[in-house]
Amino acid sequence: MHKNNHKLRIGIVGAGNIVRTRHLPALKKTPDVEIVAVSNSIYESSEKFCREYSLSALPIRDWAELVATPDIDIVWIGTTPYMHSAVTISALEAGKHVFCQARMSMDLAEADEMLAASKRYPELITMLCPPPFGLRGDLMVKKILAENYIGRPHHVRLQSFHGNFLDPEAPAHWRQKIEISGLNTLTLGIYVEVLQRWLGDITGVFARGKIIQAVREGYNVIVPDLLTILCSFENGAEGVLEFSGINALAQGDRLEIYGSAGTLMYDFTSEVLQAGKVGDRALHVVDIPSELEGEWRVEEDFLAAVKSKGRMRPHPNFEDGVHYMRVVQGVSDSRARNEWVPIKT
């Protein structure tokens, strides 16, 4: 394992757009970190990445070879979900810390296996990539809810709409391919993660899905273009969650929480938080003081935890991931069976 006198050596499996745009800038700014190896789906793209972004890194043809490289401390997984479980478990077995892109896995069974593997190697740090949505107001929303400003939440409405899948002539996106994305549907997992952070666990779901364009360039799509979910929360609130990839001119993603004493509204597109009490004439914009304003610190948090030799544990961890994958699995089961599915918390 790494000694204090040398850099943390990172091997990247899947250096796609998210890794290049979101993770790489922060990693390259950290002086005691070095990207030493890259394995993409094709060798030429690994070579290209190393040429453009990390001249000293070695392109590696096979991810299993990268994971087995002795002097790598961290495996940074940027692939689509179908590889997350295999690469994570192999990396942990090879003694590497693991940072894994979200969504956690294809389904709940894989998520459970990943969590079990992380428990077998408690000295290794594991972290999932959190969603960027709601980051700015995260602490403020928690504070408002904890201080009972809106009273007891009883009704939750979430809308996450876009029109990216409207064009019937477009080929299937990887998110529409179950063999790549698994049971993850639209932005379901992202917002379940945010909702459970703010409101506690979802305890049951009833879900309906619709596929508008079932065949795309000869590919049969079975992941829904439209998803509507009724759900219950541990705190007693009822929720209506709506997701769509086929809504033209959609107004952006938003959450409304109605409580016994007031209302809280969060616009995920503008990151604006509004709230109001019963008797107010309207909602007002809540100023988020700078000390409570959240920002993207994902790479810093993970690297700090690795350097702390386990004294710090970053979130979202694999337990958090299993919590949202239970809901993703429940939604899939509910659609398949056309019935209410309780979710073990």
Protein backbone atom coordinates (compact mmCIF):
# COMPACT_ATOMS: atom_id res chain seq x y z
CA MET A 1 0.00 0.00 0.00
CA HIS A 2 1.09 3.58 -0.48
CA LYS A 3 3.74 5.09 1.75
CA ASN A 4 3.62 8.71 2.84
CA ASN A 5 6.66 9.53 0.74
CA HIS A 6 5.23 8.63 -2.64
CA LYS A 7 2.33 9.77 -4.77
CA LEU A 8 -1.02 8.01 -4.82
CA ARG A 9 -1.00 6.11 -8.09
CA ILE A 10 -4.33 5.91 -9.93
CA GLY A 11 -5.39 3.51 -12.66
CA ILE A 12 -8.49 4.57 -14.61
CA VAL A 13 -10.87 1.98 -16.06
CA GLY A 14 -13.15 3.79 -18.50
CA ALA A 15 -11.84 7.30 -19.18
CA GLY A 16 -14.90 8.69 -20.92
CA ASN A 17 -16.49 12.12 -20.95
CA ILE A 18 -17.42 12.19 -17.23
CA VAL A 19 -13.89 11.29 -16.14
CA ARG A 20 -12.34 13.80 -18.56
CA THR A 21 -14.62 16.72 -17.71
CA ARG A 22 -15.58 16.15 -14.08
CA HIS A 23 -12.85 14.16 -12.31
CA LEU A 24 -9.66 14.83 -14.24
CA PRO A 25 -9.38 18.60 -13.57
CA ALA A 26 -9.45 18.04 -9.78
CA LEU A 27 -7.14 15.01 -9.92
CA LYS A 28 -4.57 16.90 -12.00
CA LYS A 29 -4.62 19.79 -9.52
CA THR A 30 -3.63 17.45 -6.67
CA PRO A 31 0.18 17.35 -6.43
CA ASP A 32 0.52 14.00 -4.65
CA VAL A 33 -1.60 12.09 -7.16
CA GLU A 34 -0.40 10.48 -10.36
CA ILE A 35 -2.43 8.84 -13.13
CA VAL A 36 -0.27 5.88 -14.15
CA ALA A 37 -2.50 3.62 -16.26
CA VAL A 38 -5.66 3.83 -18.38
CA SER A 39 -7.84 1.09 -19.82
CA ASN A 40 -10.71 2.00 -22.15
CA SER A 41 -13.01 -0.28 -24.12
CA ILE A 42 -10.62 -0.05 -27.08
CA TYR A 43 -6.84 0.24 -26.84
CA GLU A 44 -6.65 3.14 -29.32
CA SER A 45 -8.86 5.32 -27.12
CA SER A 46 -6.66 4.50 -24.09
CA GLU A 47 -3.63 5.60 -26.12
CA LYS A 48 -5.41 8.78 -27.22
CA PHE A 49 -6.36 9.63 -23.62
CA CYS A 50 -2.78 9.15 -22.42
CA ARG A 51 -1.46 11.31 -25.28
CA GLU A 52 -3.91 14.13 -24.63
CA TYR A 53 -4.27 14.15 -20.85
CA SER A 54 -1.57 12.19 -19.11
CA LEU A 55 1.64 11.67 -21.04
CA SER A 56 3.27 9.52 -18.38
CA ALA A 57 0.33 7.12 -18.08
CA LEU A 58 0.45 3.69 -19.66
CA PRO A 59 -2.42 2.59 -21.93
CA ILE A 60 -3.48 -0.95 -20.97
CA ARG A 61 -5.49 -3.22 -23.26
CA ASP A 62 -7.37 -5.19 -20.62
CA TRP A 63 -8.89 -3.76 -17.42
CA ALA A 64 -8.07 -6.96 -15.51
CA GLU A 65 -4.38 -6.38 -16.24
CA LEU A 66 -4.67 -2.81 -14.93
CA VAL A 67 -6.38 -3.95 -11.73
CA ALA A 68 -3.62 -6.54 -11.15
CA THR A 69 -0.79 -4.00 -11.56
CA PRO A 70 1.03 -4.10 -8.20
CA ASP A 71 2.00 -0.44 -7.79
CA ILE A 72 -1.47 1.03 -8.38
CA ASP A 73 -3.11 2.31 -5.16
CA ILE A 74 -6.51 3.39 -6.51
CA VAL A 75 -8.76 2.08 -9.27
CA TRP A 76 -10.96 4.88 -10.63
CA ILE A 77 -13.96 3.36 -12.44
CA GLY A 78 -15.56 5.56 -15.08
CA THR A 79 -17.32 2.90 -17.14
CA THR A 80 -21.05 2.46 -17.66
CA PRO A 81 -22.86 0.39 -14.98
CA TYR A 82 -22.49 -3.05 -16.59
CA MET A 83 -18.81 -3.22 -15.55
CA HIS A 84 -19.03 -1.63 -12.09
CA SER A 85 -19.49 -4.79 -10.05
CA ALA A 86 -16.82 -6.91 -11.77
CA VAL A 87 -14.15 -4.19 -11.77
CA THR A 88 -14.91 -3.10 -8.18
CA ILE A 89 -14.74 -6.59 -6.70
CA SER A 90 -11.57 -7.45 -8.68
CA ALA A 91 -9.92 -4.19 -7.58
CA LEU A 92 -10.76 -4.78 -3.90
CA GLU A 93 -9.44 -8.34 -4.13
CA ALA A 94 -6.23 -6.89 -5.61
CA GLY A 95 -5.89 -4.56 -2.59
CA LYS A 96 -6.87 -1.31 -4.32
CA HIS A 97 -9.04 1.54 -3.06
CA VAL A 98 -12.04 2.04 -5.36
CA PHE A 99 -13.82 5.13 -6.63
CA CYS A 100 -16.80 4.11 -8.77
CA GLN A 101 -18.88 6.23 -11.11
CA ALA A 102 -22.63 6.21 -10.42
CA ARG A 103 -25.11 4.48 -10.80
CA MET A 104 -23.73 1.82 -8.49
CA SER A 105 -24.60 -1.33 -10.46
CA MET A 106 -26.98 -3.03 -12.89
CA ASP A 107 -29.34 -4.28 -10.18
CA LEU A 108 -29.65 -4.89 -6.44
CA ALA A 109 -27.94 -8.30 -6.50
CA GLU A 110 -24.76 -6.73 -7.93
CA ALA A 111 -24.93 -3.85 -5.42
CA ASP A 112 -25.19 -6.35 -2.55
CA GLU A 113 -22.12 -8.22 -3.89
CA MET A 114 -20.14 -4.97 -4.09
CA LEU A 115 -21.07 -4.04 -0.52
CA ALA A 116 -20.16 -7.53 0.74
CA ALA A 117 -16.76 -7.27 -0.99
CA SER A 118 -16.10 -3.86 0.57
CA LYS A 119 -16.85 -5.33 4.02
CA ARG A 120 -14.32 -8.10 3.41
CA TYR A 121 -11.65 -5.42 2.90
CA PRO A 122 -12.52 -2.77 5.50
CA GLU A 123 -9.02 -1.26 5.29
CA LEU A 124 -9.75 -0.16 1.70
CA ILE A 125 -11.69 3.02 0.93
CA THR A 126 -14.71 2.73 -1.37
CA MET A 127 -16.83 5.59 -2.67
CA LEU A 128 -19.51 6.12 -5.30
CA CYS A 129 -19.77 9.29 -7.31
CA PRO A 130 -22.56 11.47 -5.90
CA PRO A 131 -25.01 13.28 -8.17
CA PRO A 132 -24.22 16.96 -8.77
CA PHE A 133 -27.93 17.83 -8.40
CA GLY A 134 -28.93 19.55 -5.17
CA LEU A 135 -25.32 19.94 -4.08
CA ARG A 136 -25.50 23.71 -3.56
CA GLY A 137 -28.49 23.61 -1.21
CA ASP A 138 -27.95 20.20 0.40
CA LEU A 139 -27.03 21.40 3.91
CA MET A 140 -29.62 24.19 3.85
CA VAL A 141 -32.44 21.81 2.88
CA LYS A 142 -31.38 19.44 5.70
CA LYS A 143 -31.30 22.37 8.13
CA ILE A 144 -34.79 23.63 7.15
CA LEU A 145 -36.25 20.14 7.50
CA ALA A 146 -34.40 19.43 10.78
CA GLU A 147 -35.62 22.71 12.29
CA ASN A 148 -39.19 21.71 11.39
CA TYR A 149 -39.70 24.94 9.42
CA ILE A 150 -42.31 23.32 7.16
CA GLY A 151 -43.60 21.01 9.90
CA ARG A 152 -44.05 17.31 9.24
CA PRO A 153 -43.61 16.55 5.51
CA HIS A 154 -46.65 14.78 4.11
CA HIS A 155 -46.52 15.19 0.33
CA VAL A 156 -43.50 15.05 -1.97
CA ARG A 157 -43.55 15.79 -5.70
CA LEU A 158 -40.56 15.39 -7.99
CA GLN A 159 -40.42 16.09 -11.72
CA SER A 160 -37.38 15.33 -13.86
CA PHE A 161 -38.15 15.87 -17.53
CA HIS A 162 -36.05 16.19 -20.68
CA GLY A 163 -36.65 15.64 -24.38
CA ASN A 164 -33.44 13.80 -25.34
CA PHE A 165 -35.29 10.65 -26.43
CA LEU A 166 -38.06 12.36 -28.42
CA ASP A 167 -36.54 11.82 -31.86
CA PRO A 168 -37.85 8.46 -33.17
CA GLU A 169 -35.03 8.32 -35.73
CA ALA A 170 -32.26 8.57 -33.12
CA PRO A 171 -30.35 5.39 -32.23
CA ALA A 172 -30.82 3.95 -28.74
CA HIS A 173 -28.74 5.84 -26.17
CA TRP A 174 -26.65 3.64 -23.84
CA ARG A 175 -28.99 4.61 -21.00
CA GLN A 176 -31.81 2.97 -22.99
CA LYS A 177 -29.90 -0.31 -23.28
CA ILE A 178 -30.61 -2.63 -20.35
CA GLU A 179 -27.47 -4.70 -21.02
CA ILE A 180 -25.33 -1.58 -20.41
CA SER A 181 -27.37 0.42 -17.89
CA GLY A 182 -29.19 -2.38 -16.10
CA LEU A 183 -32.39 -1.45 -14.26
CA ASN A 184 -31.32 2.21 -13.97
CA THR A 185 -33.97 4.29 -15.70
CA LEU A 186 -33.74 7.95 -16.70
CA THR A 187 -32.72 9.99 -13.61
CA LEU A 188 -34.49 7.70 -11.11
CA GLY A 189 -31.40 6.58 -9.17
CA ILE A 190 -29.94 10.08 -8.99
CA TYR A 191 -33.05 11.61 -7.44
CA VAL A 192 -33.78 8.65 -5.15
CA GLU A 193 -30.29 9.21 -3.73
CA VAL A 194 -31.03 12.93 -3.18
CA LEU A 195 -34.52 12.33 -1.76
CA GLN A 196 -33.31 9.69 0.70
CA ARG A 197 -30.57 12.04 1.88
CA TRP A 198 -33.16 14.72 2.64
CA LEU A 199 -36.28 12.78 3.64
CA GLY A 200 -35.10 9.34 4.76
CA ASP A 201 -35.71 5.98 3.13
CA ILE A 202 -38.42 5.18 0.60
CA THR A 203 -40.36 2.24 2.04
CA GLY A 204 -42.59 1.20 -0.87
CA VAL A 205 -43.28 1.92 -4.55
CA PHE A 206 -45.88 1.45 -7.25
CA ALA A 207 -44.47 2.17 -10.70
CA ARG A 208 -45.74 2.52 -14.24
CA GLY A 209 -43.53 2.87 -17.31
CA LYS A 210 -44.13 3.60 -20.98
CA ILE A 211 -41.92 3.10 -24.02
CA ILE A 212 -42.78 5.56 -26.77
CA GLN A 213 -40.30 4.32 -29.37
CA ALA A 214 -39.87 0.57 -28.90
CA VAL A 215 -37.51 -0.03 -31.84
CA ARG A 216 -34.52 2.19 -32.58
CA GLU A 217 -32.40 1.29 -35.60
CA GLY A 218 -33.33 -2.36 -35.16
CA TYR A 219 -32.67 -2.37 -31.41
CA ASN A 220 -35.60 -3.34 -29.13
CA VAL A 221 -35.81 -0.84 -26.27
CA ILE A 222 -37.21 -2.20 -22.98
CA VAL A 223 -36.10 0.64 -20.70
CA PRO A 224 -39.04 3.07 -20.30
CA ASP A 225 -39.02 6.56 -21.83
CA LEU A 226 -41.51 7.65 -19.18
CA LEU A 227 -41.75 6.54 -15.56
CA THR A 228 -44.31 7.46 -12.90
CA ILE A 229 -43.93 6.29 -9.32
CA LEU A 230 -46.12 6.51 -6.24
CA CYS A 231 -44.02 5.99 -3.13
CA SER A 232 -44.09 6.15 0.66
CA PHE A 233 -41.32 7.47 2.90
CA GLU A 234 -40.15 6.27 6.30
CA ASN A 235 -41.25 9.64 7.77
CA GLY A 236 -44.87 9.04 6.68
CA ALA A 237 -44.86 11.26 3.59
CA GLU A 238 -46.37 10.11 0.30
CA GLY A 239 -44.60 10.89 -2.94
CA VAL A 240 -45.27 11.21 -6.67
CA LEU A 241 -42.08 10.95 -8.72
CA GLU A 242 -42.22 11.60 -12.47
CA PHE A 243 -39.38 10.99 -14.93
CA SER A 244 -39.37 11.46 -18.68
CA GLY A 245 -36.98 11.57 -21.62
CA ILE A 246 -39.71 12.51 -24.09
CA ASN A 247 -41.02 15.87 -22.86
CA ALA A 248 -40.45 18.69 -25.33
CA LEU A 249 -39.62 22.14 -23.92
CA ALA A 250 -39.45 20.74 -20.38
CA GLN A 251 -39.09 23.34 -17.63
CA GLY A 252 -36.24 21.76 -15.66
CA ASP A 253 -36.09 19.43 -12.67
CA ARG A 254 -37.87 20.39 -9.46
CA LEU A 255 -38.88 19.05 -6.09
CA GLU A 256 -41.79 20.20 -3.92
CA ILE A 257 -42.10 19.14 -0.27
CA TYR A 258 -45.39 20.03 1.42
CA GLY A 259 -45.51 19.88 5.20
CA SER A 260 -48.00 20.54 8.00
CA ALA A 261 -46.64 24.08 8.49
CA GLY A 262 -45.30 25.11 5.10
CA THR A 263 -43.69 24.25 1.77
CA LEU A 264 -40.17 23.83 0.44
CA MET A 265 -39.33 23.90 -3.26
CA TYR A 266 -35.98 23.13 -4.91
CA ASP A 267 -35.19 23.85 -8.54
CA PHE A 268 -32.35 21.50 -9.52
CA THR A 269 -31.72 23.31 -12.78
CA SER A 270 -31.08 26.73 -11.23
CA GLU A 271 -30.15 25.39 -7.73
CA VAL A 272 -32.61 27.89 -6.24
CA LEU A 273 -34.30 26.98 -2.95
CA GLN A 274 -37.65 28.50 -1.94
CA ALA A 275 -39.71 28.07 1.19
CA GLY A 276 -42.76 29.50 2.91
CA LYS A 277 -44.96 29.09 5.97
CA VAL A 278 -48.72 28.66 6.16
CA GLY A 279 -50.08 32.24 6.05
CA ASP A 280 -47.29 33.63 3.85
CA ARG A 281 -48.49 35.20 0.62
CA ALA A 282 -45.99 33.24 -1.47
CA LEU A 283 -42.81 31.21 -1.32
CA HIS A 284 -39.62 33.25 -0.85
CA VAL A 285 -36.11 32.52 -2.11
CA VAL A 286 -33.96 31.20 0.73
CA ASP A 287 -30.52 32.77 0.86
CA ILE A 288 -27.92 30.06 1.36
CA PRO A 289 -25.09 31.42 3.55
CA SER A 290 -21.66 30.73 2.06
CA GLU A 291 -20.66 28.44 4.94
CA LEU A 292 -23.65 26.19 4.16
CA GLU A 293 -23.28 26.32 0.38
CA GLY A 294 -22.31 22.96 -1.01
CA GLU A 295 -19.83 22.49 -3.84
CA TRP A 296 -18.21 19.69 -5.82
CA ARG A 297 -15.45 18.27 -3.60
CA VAL A 298 -15.76 14.64 -4.61
CA GLU A 299 -12.15 13.96 -5.59
CA GLU A 300 -10.79 15.83 -2.55
CA ASP A 301 -13.08 13.91 -0.18
CA PHE A 302 -12.10 10.53 -1.63
CA LEU A 303 -8.36 11.24 -1.68
CA ALA A 304 -8.47 12.66 1.87
CA ALA A 305 -10.13 9.44 3.06
CA VAL A 306 -7.46 7.30 1.37
CA LYS A 307 -4.69 9.39 2.96
CA SER A 308 -6.37 9.17 6.38
CA LYS A 309 -5.77 5.37 6.40
CA GLY A 310 -9.44 4.74 7.08
CA ARG A 311 -10.04 7.34 9.80
CA MET A 312 -12.31 9.22 7.37
CA ARG A 313 -15.05 7.52 5.35
CA PRO A 314 -16.44 9.40 2.37
CA HIS A 315 -20.08 9.46 1.20
CA PRO A 316 -21.86 8.16 -0.76
CA ASN A 317 -20.44 4.83 0.36
CA PHE A 318 -21.59 1.40 -0.80
CA GLU A 319 -24.27 1.28 1.94
CA ASP A 320 -25.77 4.49 0.48
CA GLY A 321 -25.62 2.90 -2.98
CA VAL A 322 -27.43 -0.25 -1.86
CA HIS A 323 -30.13 2.00 -0.36
CA TYR A 324 -30.90 3.61 -3.72
CA MET A 325 -30.44 0.37 -5.70
CA ARG A 326 -33.14 -1.22 -3.49
CA VAL A 327 -35.56 1.42 -4.77
CA VAL A 328 -34.39 1.02 -8.40
CA GLN A 329 -34.94 -2.75 -8.06
CA GLY A 330 -38.33 -2.20 -6.38
CA VAL A 331 -39.46 0.09 -9.21
CA SER A 332 -38.50 -2.53 -11.79
CA ASP A 333 -40.25 -5.29 -9.83
CA SER A 334 -43.36 -3.14 -9.42
CA ARG A 335 -43.55 -2.43 -13.15
CA ALA A 336 -43.10 -6.11 -13.96
CA ARG A 337 -45.75 -7.27 -11.48
CA ASN A 338 -48.05 -4.24 -11.68
CA GLU A 339 -48.29 -4.08 -7.90
CA TRP A 340 -47.14 -2.20 -4.80
CA VAL A 341 -43.67 -3.38 -3.74
CA PRO A 342 -42.48 -2.81 -0.15
CA ILE A 343 -38.79 -1.90 0.15
CA LYS A 344 -36.66 -3.29 2.95
CA THR A 345 -34.86 -0.43 4.71
